[in-house]
PDB file of N, CA and C in Angstrom:
ATOM      1  N   MET A   1      75.136  32.031  30.446  1.00  0.00           N
ATOM      2  CA  MET A   1      73.760  31.823  30.012  1.00  0.00           C
ATOM      3  C   MET A   1      73.829  31.232  28.627  1.00  0.00           C
ATOM      4  N   ILE A   2      72.979  30.096  28.438  1.00  0.00           N
ATOM      5  CA  ILE A   2      72.901  29.499  27.190  1.00  0.00           C
ATOM      6  C   ILE A   2      71.483  29.729  26.557  1.00  0.00           C
ATOM      7  N   ILE A   3      71.531  30.024  25.228  1.00  0.00           N
ATOM      8  CA  ILE A   3      70.272  30.263  24.513  1.00  0.00           C
ATOM      9  C   ILE A   3      70.004  29.085  23.785  1.00  0.00           C
ATOM     10  N   GLU A   4      68.788  28.486  23.863  1.00  0.00           N
ATOM     11  CA  GLU A   4      68.283  27.453  22.983  1.00  0.00           C
ATOM     12  C   GLU A   4      67.454  28.147  21.996  1.00  0.00           C
ATOM     13  N   ILE A   5      67.679  27.871  20.706  1.00  0.00           N
ATOM     14  CA  ILE A   5      66.848  28.327  19.651  1.00  0.00           C
ATOM     15  C   ILE A   5      66.283  27.133  18.876  1.00  0.00           C
ATOM     16  N   ALA A   6      64.926  26.911  18.974  1.00  0.00           N
ATOM     17  CA  ALA A   6      64.251  25.888  18.282  1.00  0.00           C
ATOM     18  C   ALA A   6      63.552  26.401  17.050  1.00  0.00           C
ATOM     19  N   ASN A   7      63.878  26.015  15.869  1.00  0.00           N
ATOM     20  CA  ASN A   7      63.258  26.352  14.610  1.00  0.00           C
ATOM     21  C   ASN A   7      62.083  25.475  14.434  1.00  0.00           C
ATOM     22  N   ILE A   8      60.902  25.964  14.541  1.00  0.00           N
ATOM     23  CA  ILE A   8      59.695  25.248  14.427  1.00  0.00           C
ATOM     24  C   ILE A   8      58.836  25.561  13.182  1.00  0.00           C
ATOM     25  N   THR A   9      58.388  24.668  12.421  1.00  0.00           N
ATOM     26  CA  THR A   9      57.466  24.937  11.371  1.00  0.00           C
ATOM     27  C   THR A   9      56.107  24.255  11.547  1.00  0.00           C
ATOM     28  N   ILE A  10      55.017  25.004  11.416  1.00  0.00           N
ATOM     29  CA  ILE A  10      53.694  24.616  11.569  1.00  0.00           C
ATOM     30  C   ILE A  10      52.799  24.933  10.316  1.00  0.00           C
ATOM     31  N   ASP A  11      51.566  24.440  10.345  1.00  0.00           N
ATOM     32  CA  ASP A  11      50.658  24.930   9.310  1.00  0.00           C
ATOM     33  C   ASP A  11      50.268  26.348   9.667  1.00  0.00           C
ATOM     34  N   PRO A  12      50.538  27.345   8.954  1.00  0.00           N
ATOM     35  CA  PRO A  12      50.145  28.774   9.277  1.00  0.00           C
ATOM     36  C   PRO A  12      48.644  28.923   9.607  1.00  0.00           C
ATOM     37  N   ALA A  13      47.797  28.037   9.056  1.00  0.00           N
ATOM     38  CA  ALA A  13      46.376  28.199   9.245  1.00  0.00           C
ATOM     39  C   ALA A  13      46.042  27.880  10.771  1.00  0.00           C
ATOM     40  N   ARG A  14      46.981  27.289  11.456  1.00  0.00           N
ATOM     41  CA  ARG A  14      46.753  26.903  12.837  1.00  0.00           C
ATOM     42  C   ARG A  14      47.600  27.768  13.841  1.00  0.00           C
ATOM     43  N   ALA A  15      48.002  28.900  13.325  1.00  0.00           N
ATOM     44  CA  ALA A  15      48.968  29.693  14.109  1.00  0.00           C
ATOM     45  C   ALA A  15      48.250  30.070  15.474  1.00  0.00           C
ATOM     46  N   THR A  16      47.065  30.521  15.445  1.00  0.00           N
ATOM     47  CA  THR A  16      46.449  30.988  16.683  1.00  0.00           C
ATOM     48  C   THR A  16      46.423  29.867  17.688  1.00  0.00           C
ATOM     49  N   GLU A  17      46.039  28.695  17.300  1.00  0.00           N
ATOM     50  CA  GLU A  17      45.959  27.423  18.084  1.00  0.00           C
ATOM     51  C   GLU A  17      47.439  27.185  18.674  1.00  0.00           C
ATOM     52  N   PHE A  18      48.382  27.174  17.833  1.00  0.00           N
ATOM     53  CA  PHE A  18      49.702  26.927  18.122  1.00  0.00           C
ATOM     54  C   PHE A  18      50.219  27.917  19.326  1.00  0.00           C
ATOM     55  N   GLU A  19      49.995  29.234  19.031  1.00  0.00           N
ATOM     56  CA  GLU A  19      50.463  30.231  19.965  1.00  0.00           C
ATOM     57  C   GLU A  19      49.779  30.031  21.271  1.00  0.00           C
ATOM     58  N   ALA A  20      48.530  29.666  21.358  1.00  0.00           N
ATOM     59  CA  ALA A  20      47.746  29.340  22.512  1.00  0.00           C
ATOM     60  C   ALA A  20      48.366  28.193  23.291  1.00  0.00           C
ATOM     61  N   ALA A  21      48.708  27.114  22.560  1.00  0.00           N
ATOM     62  CA  ALA A  21      49.328  25.883  23.167  1.00  0.00           C
ATOM     63  C   ALA A  21      50.633  26.271  23.802  1.00  0.00           C
ATOM     64  N   VAL A  22      51.408  27.121  23.068  1.00  0.00           N
ATOM     65  CA  VAL A  22      52.783  27.462  23.649  1.00  0.00           C
ATOM     66  C   VAL A  22      52.540  28.299  24.963  1.00  0.00           C
ATOM     67  N   ALA A  23      51.603  29.217  24.956  1.00  0.00           N
ATOM     68  CA  ALA A  23      51.321  29.976  26.069  1.00  0.00           C
ATOM     69  C   ALA A  23      50.820  29.129  27.281  1.00  0.00           C
ATOM     70  N   LYS A  24      50.058  28.077  26.960  1.00  0.00           N
ATOM     71  CA  LYS A  24      49.631  27.144  28.045  1.00  0.00           C
ATOM     72  C   LYS A  24      50.761  26.338  28.520  1.00  0.00           C
ATOM     73  N   ALA A  25      51.789  26.065  27.642  1.00  0.00           N
ATOM     74  CA  ALA A  25      52.934  25.332  28.095  1.00  0.00           C
ATOM     75  C   ALA A  25      54.030  26.178  28.805  1.00  0.00           C
ATOM     76  N   ALA A  26      53.941  27.464  28.708  1.00  0.00           N
ATOM     77  CA  ALA A  26      54.960  28.355  29.389  1.00  0.00           C
ATOM     78  C   ALA A  26      55.299  28.010  30.764  1.00  0.00           C
ATOM     79  N   PRO A  27      54.273  27.719  31.592  1.00  0.00           N
ATOM     80  CA  PRO A  27      54.565  27.508  32.953  1.00  0.00           C
ATOM     81  C   PRO A  27      55.515  26.192  33.284  1.00  0.00           C
ATOM     82  N   LEU A  28      55.506  25.289  32.237  1.00  0.00           N
ATOM     83  CA  LEU A  28      56.402  24.156  32.259  1.00  0.00           C
ATOM     84  C   LEU A  28      57.768  24.600  32.315  1.00  0.00           C
ATOM     85  N   PHE A  29      58.087  25.670  31.500  1.00  0.00           N
ATOM     86  CA  PHE A  29      59.367  26.199  31.382  1.00  0.00           C
ATOM     87  C   PHE A  29      59.778  27.067  32.649  1.00  0.00           C
ATOM     88  N   ARG A  30      58.786  27.870  33.090  1.00  0.00           N
ATOM     89  CA  ARG A  30      58.977  28.666  34.289  1.00  0.00           C
ATOM     90  C   ARG A  30      59.496  27.875  35.444  1.00  0.00           C
ATOM     91  N   ILE A  31      58.929  26.631  35.603  1.00  0.00           N
ATOM     92  CA  ILE A  31      59.284  25.768  36.769  1.00  0.00           C
ATOM     93  C   ILE A  31      60.485  24.897  36.480  1.00  0.00           C
ATOM     94  N   ALA A  32      60.925  24.786  35.215  1.00  0.00           N
ATOM     95  CA  ALA A  32      62.079  23.896  34.977  1.00  0.00           C
ATOM     96  C   ALA A  32      63.351  24.401  35.571  1.00  0.00           C
ATOM     97  N   GLU A  33      64.079  23.477  36.133  1.00  0.00           N
ATOM     98  CA  GLU A  33      65.272  23.785  36.798  1.00  0.00           C
ATOM     99  C   GLU A  33      66.286  24.389  35.696  1.00  0.00           C
ATOM    100  N   GLY A  34      66.879  25.591  35.977  1.00  0.00           N
ATOM    101  CA  GLY A  34      67.844  26.202  35.182  1.00  0.00           C
ATOM    102  C   GLY A  34      67.279  27.058  34.063  1.00  0.00           C
ATOM    103  N   CYS A  35      65.953  27.176  33.971  1.00  0.00           N
ATOM    104  CA  CYS A  35      65.391  27.949  32.917  1.00  0.00           C
ATOM    105  C   CYS A  35      65.195  29.368  33.378  1.00  0.00           C
ATOM    106  N   ARG A  36      65.648  30.342  32.621  1.00  0.00           N
ATOM    107  CA  ARG A  36      65.659  31.691  33.090  1.00  0.00           C
ATOM    108  C   ARG A  36      64.793  32.602  32.148  1.00  0.00           C
ATOM    109  N   GLY A  37      64.161  32.096  31.081  1.00  0.00           N
ATOM    110  CA  GLY A  37      63.315  32.880  30.295  1.00  0.00           C
ATOM    111  C   GLY A  37      62.902  32.101  29.012  1.00  0.00           C
ATOM    112  N   MET A  38      61.809  32.472  28.428  1.00  0.00           N
ATOM    113  CA  MET A  38      61.234  31.811  27.302  1.00  0.00           C
ATOM    114  C   MET A  38      60.457  32.856  26.413  1.00  0.00           C
ATOM    115  N   ALA A  39      60.622  32.750  25.185  1.00  0.00           N
ATOM    116  CA  ALA A  39      59.928  33.577  24.192  1.00  0.00           C
ATOM    117  C   ALA A  39      59.642  32.802  22.936  1.00  0.00           C
ATOM    118  N   LEU A  40      58.587  33.207  22.306  1.00  0.00           N
ATOM    119  CA  LEU A  40      58.174  32.636  20.953  1.00  0.00           C
ATOM    120  C   LEU A  40      58.219  33.684  19.965  1.00  0.00           C
ATOM    121  N   GLN A  41      58.938  33.633  18.839  1.00  0.00           N
ATOM    122  CA  GLN A  41      59.075  34.542  17.826  1.00  0.00           C
ATOM    123  C   GLN A  41      58.450  33.990  16.585  1.00  0.00           C
ATOM    124  N   ARG A  42      57.740  34.803  15.787  1.00  0.00           N
ATOM    125  CA  ARG A  42      57.214  34.282  14.428  1.00  0.00           C
ATOM    126  C   ARG A  42      58.062  34.946  13.341  1.00  0.00           C
ATOM    127  N   VAL A  43      58.441  34.170  12.377  1.00  0.00           N
ATOM    128  CA  VAL A  43      59.235  34.745  11.256  1.00  0.00           C
ATOM    129  C   VAL A  43      58.315  35.462  10.398  1.00  0.00           C
ATOM    130  N   ILE A  44      58.594  36.754  10.143  1.00  0.00           N
ATOM    131  CA  ILE A  44      57.838  37.651   9.409  1.00  0.00           C
ATOM    132  C   ILE A  44      57.759  37.160   7.858  1.00  0.00           C
ATOM    133  N   GLU A  45      58.909  36.800   7.327  1.00  0.00           N
ATOM    134  CA  GLU A  45      58.905  36.466   5.911  1.00  0.00           C
ATOM    135  C   GLU A  45      58.305  35.094   5.670  1.00  0.00           C
ATOM    136  N   ASP A  46      58.053  34.282   6.650  1.00  0.00           N
ATOM    137  CA  ASP A  46      57.481  32.953   6.433  1.00  0.00           C
ATOM    138  C   ASP A  46      56.531  32.636   7.670  1.00  0.00           C
ATOM    139  N   PRO A  47      55.334  32.923   7.585  1.00  0.00           N
ATOM    140  CA  PRO A  47      54.502  32.826   8.739  1.00  0.00           C
ATOM    141  C   PRO A  47      54.296  31.415   9.226  1.00  0.00           C
ATOM    142  N   ALA A  48      54.792  30.438   8.545  1.00  0.00           N
ATOM    143  CA  ALA A  48      54.740  29.038   9.033  1.00  0.00           C
ATOM    144  C   ALA A  48      55.880  28.720   9.931  1.00  0.00           C
ATOM    145  N   ARG A  49      56.889  29.632  10.085  1.00  0.00           N
ATOM    146  CA  ARG A  49      58.018  29.371  10.913  1.00  0.00           C
ATOM    147  C   ARG A  49      58.054  30.209  12.172  1.00  0.00           C
ATOM    148  N   TYR A  50      58.389  29.543  13.246  1.00  0.00           N
ATOM    149  CA  TYR A  50      58.606  30.166  14.544  1.00  0.00           C
ATOM    150  C   TYR A  50      60.050  29.836  15.060  1.00  0.00           C
ATOM    151  N   LYS A  51      60.358  30.693  16.025  1.00  0.00           N
ATOM    152  CA  LYS A  51      61.596  30.440  16.781  1.00  0.00           C
ATOM    153  C   LYS A  51      61.291  30.404  18.220  1.00  0.00           C
ATOM    154  N   LEU A  52      61.450  29.393  18.921  1.00  0.00           N
ATOM    155  CA  LEU A  52      61.395  29.257  20.367  1.00  0.00           C
ATOM    156  C   LEU A  52      62.652  29.588  20.936  1.00  0.00           C
ATOM    157  N   VAL A  53      62.806  30.589  21.792  1.00  0.00           N
ATOM    158  CA  VAL A  53      64.055  31.044  22.348  1.00  0.00           C
ATOM    159  C   VAL A  53      63.945  30.936  23.885  1.00  0.00           C
ATOM    160  N   VAL A  54      64.841  30.036  24.428  1.00  0.00           N
ATOM    161  CA  VAL A  54      64.745  29.780  25.830  1.00  0.00           C
ATOM    162  C   VAL A  54      66.142  29.981  26.396  1.00  0.00           C
ATOM    163  N   GLN A  55      66.157  30.668  27.559  1.00  0.00           N
ATOM    164  CA  GLN A  55      67.413  30.889  28.251  1.00  0.00           C
ATOM    165  C   GLN A  55      67.729  29.808  29.343  1.00  0.00           C
ATOM    166  N   TRP A  56      68.802  29.197  29.254  1.00  0.00           N
ATOM    167  CA  TRP A  56      69.084  28.124  30.284  1.00  0.00           C
ATOM    168  C   TRP A  56      70.448  28.516  30.974  1.00  0.00           C
ATOM    169  N   GLU A  57      70.611  28.065  32.243  1.00  0.00           N
ATOM    170  CA  GLU A  57      71.877  28.206  32.915  1.00  0.00           C
ATOM    171  C   GLU A  57      73.040  27.451  32.160  1.00  0.00           C
ATOM    172  N   THR A  58      72.710  26.255  31.863  1.00  0.00           N
ATOM    173  CA  THR A  58      73.732  25.429  31.127  1.00  0.00           C
ATOM    174  C   THR A  58      72.970  24.584  30.081  1.00  0.00           C
ATOM    175  N   VAL A  59      73.703  23.985  29.075  1.00  0.00           N
ATOM    176  CA  VAL A  59      73.188  23.247  28.095  1.00  0.00           C
ATOM    177  C   VAL A  59      72.520  21.969  28.734  1.00  0.00           C
ATOM    178  N   GLU A  60      73.083  21.449  29.740  1.00  0.00           N
ATOM    179  CA  GLU A  60      72.524  20.246  30.395  1.00  0.00           C
ATOM    180  C   GLU A  60      71.169  20.530  31.064  1.00  0.00           C
ATOM    181  N   HIS A  61      70.981  21.740  31.543  1.00  0.00           N
ATOM    182  CA  HIS A  61      69.672  22.002  32.048  1.00  0.00           C
ATOM    183  C   HIS A  61      68.615  21.803  30.963  1.00  0.00           C
ATOM    184  N   HIS A  62      68.977  22.056  29.718  1.00  0.00           N
ATOM    185  CA  HIS A  62      67.961  21.777  28.662  1.00  0.00           C
ATOM    186  C   HIS A  62      67.942  20.374  28.218  1.00  0.00           C
ATOM    187  N   THR A  63      69.220  19.837  27.791  1.00  0.00           N
ATOM    188  CA  THR A  63      69.303  18.594  27.162  1.00  0.00           C
ATOM    189  C   THR A  63      69.122  17.427  28.071  1.00  0.00           C
ATOM    190  N   VAL A  64      69.463  17.548  29.322  1.00  0.00           N
ATOM    191  CA  VAL A  64      69.375  16.407  30.259  1.00  0.00           C
ATOM    192  C   VAL A  64      68.234  16.589  31.281  1.00  0.00           C
ATOM    193  N   LYS A  65      68.198  17.684  31.928  1.00  0.00           N
ATOM    194  CA  LYS A  65      67.144  17.809  32.994  1.00  0.00           C
ATOM    195  C   LYS A  65      65.809  18.044  32.407  1.00  0.00           C
ATOM    196  N   PHE A  66      65.719  19.050  31.501  1.00  0.00           N
ATOM    197  CA  PHE A  66      64.404  19.271  30.993  1.00  0.00           C
ATOM    198  C   PHE A  66      63.870  18.279  29.965  1.00  0.00           C
ATOM    199  N   ARG A  67      64.711  17.827  29.064  1.00  0.00           N
ATOM    200  CA  ARG A  67      64.284  16.804  28.137  1.00  0.00           C
ATOM    201  C   ARG A  67      64.031  15.446  28.802  1.00  0.00           C
ATOM    202  N   GLY A  68      64.584  15.225  29.995  1.00  0.00           N
ATOM    203  CA  GLY A  68      64.281  14.012  30.693  1.00  0.00           C
ATOM    204  C   GLY A  68      63.170  14.084  31.713  1.00  0.00           C
ATOM    205  N   SER A  69      62.462  15.160  31.629  1.00  0.00           N
ATOM    206  CA  SER A  69      61.352  15.400  32.641  1.00  0.00           C
ATOM    207  C   SER A  69      59.995  15.266  32.118  1.00  0.00           C
ATOM    208  N   GLU A  70      59.111  15.171  33.025  1.00  0.00           N
ATOM    209  CA  GLU A  70      57.662  15.170  32.752  1.00  0.00           C
ATOM    210  C   GLU A  70      57.240  16.486  32.094  1.00  0.00           C
ATOM    211  N   GLY A  71      57.868  17.572  32.394  1.00  0.00           N
ATOM    212  CA  GLY A  71      57.533  18.823  31.824  1.00  0.00           C
ATOM    213  C   GLY A  71      57.798  18.814  30.333  1.00  0.00           C
ATOM    214  N   PHE A  72      58.911  18.188  29.896  1.00  0.00           N
ATOM    215  CA  PHE A  72      59.152  18.071  28.439  1.00  0.00           C
ATOM    216  C   PHE A  72      58.118  17.245  27.758  1.00  0.00           C
ATOM    217  N   LEU A  73      57.712  16.136  28.404  1.00  0.00           N
ATOM    218  CA  LEU A  73      56.572  15.309  27.779  1.00  0.00           C
ATOM    219  C   LEU A  73      55.326  16.103  27.633  1.00  0.00           C
ATOM    220  N   ALA A  74      54.987  16.901  28.743  1.00  0.00           N
ATOM    221  CA  ALA A  74      53.820  17.704  28.575  1.00  0.00           C
ATOM    222  C   ALA A  74      53.928  18.771  27.532  1.00  0.00           C
ATOM    223  N   TRP A  75      55.053  19.362  27.375  1.00  0.00           N
ATOM    224  CA  TRP A  75      55.319  20.392  26.360  1.00  0.00           C
ATOM    225  C   TRP A  75      55.079  19.806  24.982  1.00  0.00           C
ATOM    226  N   ARG A  76      55.721  18.601  24.717  1.00  0.00           N
ATOM    227  CA  ARG A  76      55.474  17.994  23.452  1.00  0.00           C
ATOM    228  C   ARG A  76      54.102  17.522  23.266  1.00  0.00           C
ATOM    229  N   SER A  77      53.429  17.148  24.149  1.00  0.00           N
ATOM    230  CA  SER A  77      51.983  16.822  24.079  1.00  0.00           C
ATOM    231  C   SER A  77      51.153  17.947  23.680  1.00  0.00           C
ATOM    232  N   LEU A  78      51.416  19.164  24.193  1.00  0.00           N
ATOM    233  CA  LEU A  78      50.621  20.385  23.862  1.00  0.00           C
ATOM    234  C   LEU A  78      50.984  20.947  22.522  1.00  0.00           C
ATOM    235  N   VAL A  79      52.265  20.928  22.180  1.00  0.00           N
ATOM    236  CA  VAL A  79      52.589  21.606  20.917  1.00  0.00           C
ATOM    237  C   VAL A  79      53.069  20.699  19.751  1.00  0.00           C
ATOM    238  N   GLY A  80      53.458  19.468  20.130  1.00  0.00           N
ATOM    239  CA  GLY A  80      53.915  18.563  19.028  1.00  0.00           C
ATOM    240  C   GLY A  80      52.848  18.348  17.906  1.00  0.00           C
ATOM    241  N   PRO A  81      51.622  18.268  18.237  1.00  0.00           N
ATOM    242  CA  PRO A  81      50.600  18.103  17.135  1.00  0.00           C
ATOM    243  C   PRO A  81      50.639  19.114  16.059  1.00  0.00           C
ATOM    244  N   PHE A  82      51.249  20.239  16.342  1.00  0.00           N
ATOM    245  CA  PHE A  82      51.329  21.399  15.423  1.00  0.00           C
ATOM    246  C   PHE A  82      52.508  21.320  14.522  1.00  0.00           C
ATOM    247  N   PHE A  83      53.497  20.555  14.930  1.00  0.00           N
ATOM    248  CA  PHE A  83      54.781  20.473  14.118  1.00  0.00           C
ATOM    249  C   PHE A  83      54.552  19.846  12.754  1.00  0.00           C
ATOM    250  N   VAL A  84      55.026  20.546  11.707  1.00  0.00           N
ATOM    251  CA  VAL A  84      54.987  20.020  10.338  1.00  0.00           C
ATOM    252  C   VAL A  84      56.197  19.028  10.231  1.00  0.00           C
ATOM    253  N   GLY A  85      57.351  19.353  10.874  1.00  0.00           N
ATOM    254  CA  GLY A  85      58.547  18.532  10.808  1.00  0.00           C
ATOM    255  C   GLY A  85      59.198  18.576  12.144  1.00  0.00           C
ATOM    256  N   THR A  86      60.229  17.864  12.341  1.00  0.00           N
ATOM    257  CA  THR A  86      61.043  17.812  13.624  1.00  0.00           C
ATOM    258  C   THR A  86      61.659  19.179  13.741  1.00  0.00           C
ATOM    259  N   PRO A  87      61.506  19.871  14.904  1.00  0.00           N
ATOM    260  CA  PRO A  87      62.115  21.164  15.116  1.00  0.00           C
ATOM    261  C   PRO A  87      63.689  21.023  15.130  1.00  0.00           C
ATOM    262  N   VAL A  88      64.404  21.987  14.641  1.00  0.00           N
ATOM    263  CA  VAL A  88      65.773  22.028  14.655  1.00  0.00           C
ATOM    264  C   VAL A  88      66.287  22.886  15.708  1.00  0.00           C
ATOM    265  N   VAL A  89      67.117  22.335  16.679  1.00  0.00           N
ATOM    266  CA  VAL A  89      67.464  22.999  17.886  1.00  0.00           C
ATOM    267  C   VAL A  89      69.009  23.246  17.856  1.00  0.00           C
ATOM    268  N   ILE A  90      69.314  24.455  18.262  1.00  0.00           N
ATOM    269  CA  ILE A  90      70.749  24.724  18.520  1.00  0.00           C
ATOM    270  C   ILE A  90      70.880  25.490  19.815  1.00  0.00           C
ATOM    271  N   HIS A  91      72.136  25.536  20.356  1.00  0.00           N
ATOM    272  CA  HIS A  91      72.482  26.246  21.602  1.00  0.00           C
ATOM    273  C   HIS A  91      73.494  27.231  21.203  1.00  0.00           C
ATOM    274  N   THR A  92      73.338  28.472  21.791  1.00  0.00           N
ATOM    275  CA  THR A  92      74.339  29.472  21.607  1.00  0.00           C
ATOM    276  C   THR A  92      74.627  30.121  22.974  1.00  0.00           C
ATOM    277  N   LYS A  93      75.738  30.784  22.972  1.00  0.00           N
ATOM    278  CA  LYS A  93      76.098  31.665  24.117  1.00  0.00           C
ATOM    279  C   LYS A  93      76.770  32.868  23.551  1.00  0.00           C
ATOM    280  N   THR A  94      76.522  33.943  24.245  1.00  0.00           N
ATOM    281  CA  THR A  94      77.062  35.301  23.781  1.00  0.00           C
ATOM    282  C   THR A  94      78.642  35.263  24.088  1.00  0.00           C
ATOM    283  N   VAL A  95      79.375  35.658  23.143  1.00  0.00           N
ATOM    284  CA  VAL A  95      80.839  35.701  23.282  1.00  0.00           C
ATOM    285  C   VAL A  95      81.273  37.188  23.210  1.00  0.00           C
ATOM    286  N   ALA A  96      80.348  38.016  22.785  1.00  0.00           N
ATOM    287  CA  ALA A  96      80.711  39.454  22.854  1.00  0.00           C
ATOM    288  C   ALA A  96      79.471  40.352  22.620  1.00  0.00           C
ATOM    289  N   THR A  97      79.408  41.402  23.471  1.00  0.00           N
ATOM    290  CA  THR A  97      78.231  42.349  23.228  1.00  0.00           C
ATOM    291  C   THR A  97      78.949  43.755  22.939  1.00  0.00           C
ATOM    292  N   HIS A  98      78.549  44.378  21.759  1.00  0.00           N
ATOM    293  CA  HIS A  98      79.262  45.506  21.326  1.00  0.00           C
ATOM    294  C   HIS A  98      78.466  46.758  21.660  1.00  0.00           C
ATOM    295  N   PHE A  99      77.223  46.672  21.726  1.00  0.00           N
ATOM    296  CA  PHE A  99      76.333  47.774  22.204  1.00  0.00           C
ATOM    297  C   PHE A  99      74.976  47.332  22.599  1.00  0.00           C
TER     298      PHE A  99
END
């Protein structure tokens, strides 16, 4: 399992609208090939910052299949207007679980 973490910054005055747009976009991830889960987290110390956390079977399911899809274009259309800057995206995988 691969975890995509997208660091997103928005105008915090538009947080309610942004969160509603992400909720509206969630079905696009649900039907995306290789997507196994999606969550939006807000940074407590900086309410302008969010982390979108998406579980993918492989990196390619995100970077090739989803980003090359109509679903990605629809996602960006819904949430892109809220971005203050370009989201920073990384991919991780668990190498050890200790408890």
